[in-house]
Amino acid sequence: MRPYSFDLPEDISWNEAMKYDIREMLRCDGVVLLANWDDSKGACIEARLAADLGMATRPVSRWVNPPLKNPQKIIST
């Protein structure tokens, strides 16, 4: 599974995309854990790093009130 692309080139490697993703994540206050996040190598890395750095990590239902019907369709801005 490939990390969210942030409009990166289609041919970017997984490693390079994750490096970019982690830099962007570090600018955030917390990390949203989507359904089945633990099936994604990249999401596991992000969740562990966020927890190690003391950042909030919560399921989407705990960030959004009322919970979204389909949290997989969230688009990052």
N, C-alpha and C. Protein backbone atom coordinates (compact mmCIF):
# COMPACT_ATOMS: atom_id res chain seq x y z
N MET A 1 0.84 -1.18 0.00
CA MET A 1 0.00 0.00 0.00
C MET A 1 0.89 1.24 0.00
N ARG A 2 0.55 2.21 -0.78
CA ARG A 2 1.32 3.43 -0.92
C ARG A 2 0.76 4.53 -0.01
N PRO A 3 1.62 5.33 0.61
CA PRO A 3 1.10 6.41 1.46
C PRO A 3 0.37 7.46 0.63
N TYR A 4 -0.48 8.23 1.29
CA TYR A 4 -1.18 9.32 0.62
C TYR A 4 -0.16 10.17 -0.13
N SER A 5 -0.44 10.53 -1.36
CA SER A 5 0.59 11.08 -2.24
C SER A 5 0.90 12.56 -2.09
N PHE A 6 0.03 13.37 -1.53
CA PHE A 6 0.28 14.81 -1.44
C PHE A 6 0.66 15.40 -2.79
N ASP A 7 0.10 14.88 -3.86
CA ASP A 7 0.40 15.31 -5.22
C ASP A 7 1.86 15.10 -5.59
N LEU A 8 2.47 14.07 -5.04
CA LEU A 8 3.84 13.71 -5.41
C LEU A 8 3.81 12.98 -6.75
N PRO A 9 4.93 12.92 -7.44
CA PRO A 9 4.97 12.21 -8.72
C PRO A 9 4.52 10.75 -8.56
N GLU A 10 3.85 10.23 -9.55
CA GLU A 10 3.36 8.85 -9.51
C GLU A 10 4.48 7.84 -9.37
N ASP A 11 5.67 8.15 -9.88
CA ASP A 11 6.76 7.18 -9.87
C ASP A 11 7.67 7.29 -8.64
N ILE A 12 7.26 8.08 -7.65
CA ILE A 12 8.06 8.22 -6.44
C ILE A 12 8.10 6.89 -5.68
N SER A 13 9.23 6.59 -5.09
CA SER A 13 9.35 5.35 -4.34
C SER A 13 8.57 5.45 -3.03
N TRP A 14 8.23 4.31 -2.46
CA TRP A 14 7.52 4.27 -1.18
C TRP A 14 8.37 4.97 -0.12
N ASN A 15 9.68 4.70 -0.10
CA ASN A 15 10.56 5.30 0.90
C ASN A 15 10.56 6.83 0.80
N GLU A 16 10.68 7.35 -0.40
CA GLU A 16 10.69 8.81 -0.57
C GLU A 16 9.35 9.43 -0.21
N ALA A 17 8.26 8.75 -0.57
CA ALA A 17 6.93 9.25 -0.21
C ALA A 17 6.75 9.27 1.31
N MET A 18 7.23 8.24 2.00
CA MET A 18 7.13 8.19 3.45
C MET A 18 7.97 9.29 4.10
N LYS A 19 9.14 9.58 3.57
CA LYS A 19 9.97 10.65 4.10
C LYS A 19 9.23 11.98 4.02
N TYR A 20 8.58 12.21 2.90
CA TYR A 20 7.80 13.44 2.75
C TYR A 20 6.62 13.43 3.72
N ASP A 21 5.94 12.31 3.78
CA ASP A 21 4.77 12.17 4.64
C ASP A 21 5.12 12.42 6.11
N ILE A 22 6.23 11.88 6.56
CA ILE A 22 6.64 12.06 7.95
C ILE A 22 6.98 13.51 8.24
N ARG A 23 7.65 14.18 7.29
CA ARG A 23 7.93 15.61 7.49
C ARG A 23 6.63 16.39 7.65
N GLU A 24 5.63 16.09 6.83
CA GLU A 24 4.34 16.76 6.92
C GLU A 24 3.62 16.40 8.23
N MET A 25 3.70 15.15 8.62
CA MET A 25 3.04 14.71 9.85
C MET A 25 3.59 15.45 11.06
N LEU A 26 4.88 15.71 11.08
CA LEU A 26 5.51 16.38 12.21
C LEU A 26 5.04 17.82 12.38
N ARG A 27 4.39 18.37 11.37
CA ARG A 27 3.83 19.72 11.45
C ARG A 27 2.43 19.71 12.06
N CYS A 28 1.89 18.52 12.33
CA CYS A 28 0.52 18.37 12.82
C CYS A 28 0.48 18.25 14.34
N ASP A 29 -0.71 18.40 14.89
CA ASP A 29 -0.92 18.25 16.32
C ASP A 29 -1.19 16.80 16.72
N GLY A 30 -1.62 15.99 15.78
CA GLY A 30 -1.95 14.60 16.09
C GLY A 30 -2.14 13.79 14.83
N VAL A 31 -2.38 12.51 15.02
CA VAL A 31 -2.53 11.57 13.91
C VAL A 31 -3.88 10.87 14.02
N VAL A 32 -4.63 10.86 12.94
CA VAL A 32 -5.90 10.15 12.86
C VAL A 32 -5.63 8.72 12.41
N LEU A 33 -6.16 7.78 13.14
CA LEU A 33 -6.02 6.36 12.80
C LEU A 33 -7.30 5.90 12.12
N LEU A 34 -7.20 5.64 10.83
CA LEU A 34 -8.35 5.18 10.05
C LEU A 34 -8.56 3.69 10.26
N ALA A 35 -9.71 3.20 9.83
CA ALA A 35 -10.01 1.77 9.94
C ALA A 35 -8.90 0.95 9.29
N ASN A 36 -8.52 -0.12 9.93
CA ASN A 36 -7.49 -1.04 9.44
C ASN A 36 -6.12 -0.39 9.29
N TRP A 37 -5.87 0.69 10.02
CA TRP A 37 -4.58 1.37 9.93
C TRP A 37 -3.42 0.43 10.24
N ASP A 38 -3.66 -0.54 11.11
CA ASP A 38 -2.59 -1.45 11.51
C ASP A 38 -2.23 -2.47 10.44
N ASP A 39 -2.96 -2.46 9.32
CA ASP A 39 -2.61 -3.29 8.16
C ASP A 39 -1.66 -2.57 7.21
N SER A 40 -1.38 -1.31 7.48
CA SER A 40 -0.53 -0.49 6.62
C SER A 40 0.83 -0.27 7.28
N LYS A 41 1.89 -0.68 6.61
CA LYS A 41 3.24 -0.49 7.13
C LYS A 41 3.50 1.00 7.43
N GLY A 42 3.12 1.87 6.51
CA GLY A 42 3.34 3.30 6.69
C GLY A 42 2.54 3.87 7.84
N ALA A 43 1.28 3.47 7.98
CA ALA A 43 0.46 3.96 9.09
C ALA A 43 1.00 3.48 10.43
N CYS A 44 1.53 2.27 10.48
CA CYS A 44 2.13 1.76 11.72
C CYS A 44 3.36 2.58 12.09
N ILE A 45 4.18 2.92 11.11
CA ILE A 45 5.35 3.76 11.35
C ILE A 45 4.92 5.12 11.88
N GLU A 46 3.92 5.71 11.23
CA GLU A 46 3.43 7.03 11.64
C GLU A 46 2.86 6.99 13.05
N ALA A 47 2.05 5.98 13.36
CA ALA A 47 1.43 5.89 14.68
C ALA A 47 2.49 5.71 15.76
N ARG A 48 3.47 4.87 15.51
CA ARG A 48 4.53 4.63 16.49
C ARG A 48 5.35 5.90 16.71
N LEU A 49 5.73 6.57 15.62
CA LEU A 49 6.51 7.80 15.73
C LEU A 49 5.72 8.87 16.49
N ALA A 50 4.46 9.03 16.13
CA ALA A 50 3.62 10.02 16.81
C ALA A 50 3.53 9.72 18.31
N ALA A 51 3.30 8.47 18.65
CA ALA A 51 3.20 8.09 20.07
C ALA A 51 4.53 8.33 20.79
N ASP A 52 5.64 7.97 20.14
CA ASP A 52 6.96 8.17 20.74
C ASP A 52 7.26 9.65 20.97
N LEU A 53 6.70 10.51 20.13
CA LEU A 53 6.91 11.95 20.24
C LEU A 53 5.87 12.64 21.12
N GLY A 54 4.94 11.87 21.66
CA GLY A 54 3.91 12.43 22.52
C GLY A 54 2.78 13.13 21.78
N MET A 55 2.65 12.86 20.49
CA MET A 55 1.56 13.43 19.71
C MET A 55 0.29 12.61 19.96
N ALA A 56 -0.86 13.27 19.86
CA ALA A 56 -2.13 12.56 20.01
C ALA A 56 -2.32 11.61 18.84
N THR A 57 -2.73 10.40 19.14
CA THR A 57 -3.10 9.42 18.11
C THR A 57 -4.44 8.84 18.52
N ARG A 58 -5.44 9.03 17.66
CA ARG A 58 -6.79 8.57 17.98
C ARG A 58 -7.50 8.07 16.73
N PRO A 59 -8.45 7.16 16.93
CA PRO A 59 -9.30 6.77 15.80
C PRO A 59 -10.09 7.98 15.33
N VAL A 60 -10.46 7.98 14.08
CA VAL A 60 -11.17 9.12 13.49
C VAL A 60 -12.44 9.43 14.28
N SER A 61 -13.08 8.42 14.83
CA SER A 61 -14.32 8.65 15.58
C SER A 61 -14.09 9.50 16.82
N ARG A 62 -12.89 9.54 17.33
CA ARG A 62 -12.59 10.36 18.51
C ARG A 62 -12.15 11.77 18.15
N TRP A 63 -11.87 12.02 16.87
CA TRP A 63 -11.51 13.37 16.40
C TRP A 63 -12.72 14.12 15.89
N VAL A 64 -13.69 13.38 15.35
CA VAL A 64 -14.84 14.00 14.68
C VAL A 64 -16.09 13.72 15.49
N ASN A 65 -16.88 14.75 15.70
CA ASN A 65 -18.13 14.57 16.43
C ASN A 65 -19.24 15.28 15.66
N PRO A 66 -20.27 14.63 15.18
CA PRO A 66 -20.49 13.19 15.28
C PRO A 66 -19.54 12.44 14.33
N PRO A 67 -19.33 11.15 14.58
CA PRO A 67 -18.43 10.37 13.73
C PRO A 67 -18.89 10.38 12.27
N LEU A 68 -17.94 10.37 11.36
CA LEU A 68 -18.24 10.32 9.94
C LEU A 68 -18.76 8.94 9.57
N LYS A 69 -19.64 8.88 8.58
CA LYS A 69 -20.16 7.60 8.12
C LYS A 69 -19.10 6.83 7.34
N ASN A 70 -18.25 7.53 6.60
CA ASN A 70 -17.22 6.86 5.80
C ASN A 70 -15.89 7.61 5.98
N PRO A 71 -15.15 7.32 7.07
CA PRO A 71 -13.92 8.07 7.33
C PRO A 71 -12.83 7.85 6.30
N GLN A 72 -12.93 6.80 5.47
CA GLN A 72 -11.91 6.55 4.45
C GLN A 72 -11.92 7.62 3.37
N LYS A 73 -12.99 8.41 3.28
CA LYS A 73 -13.09 9.42 2.23
C LYS A 73 -12.59 10.79 2.68
N ILE A 74 -11.93 10.86 3.83
CA ILE A 74 -11.36 12.12 4.30
C ILE A 74 -10.25 12.55 3.36
N ILE A 75 -10.24 13.83 3.01
CA ILE A 75 -9.20 14.35 2.13
C ILE A 75 -8.37 15.34 2.93
N SER A 76 -7.07 15.15 2.93
CA SER A 76 -6.17 16.05 3.66
C SER A 76 -6.03 17.34 2.89
N THR A 77 -6.00 18.46 3.62
CA THR A 77 -5.81 19.76 2.98
C THR A 77 -4.56 20.41 3.49
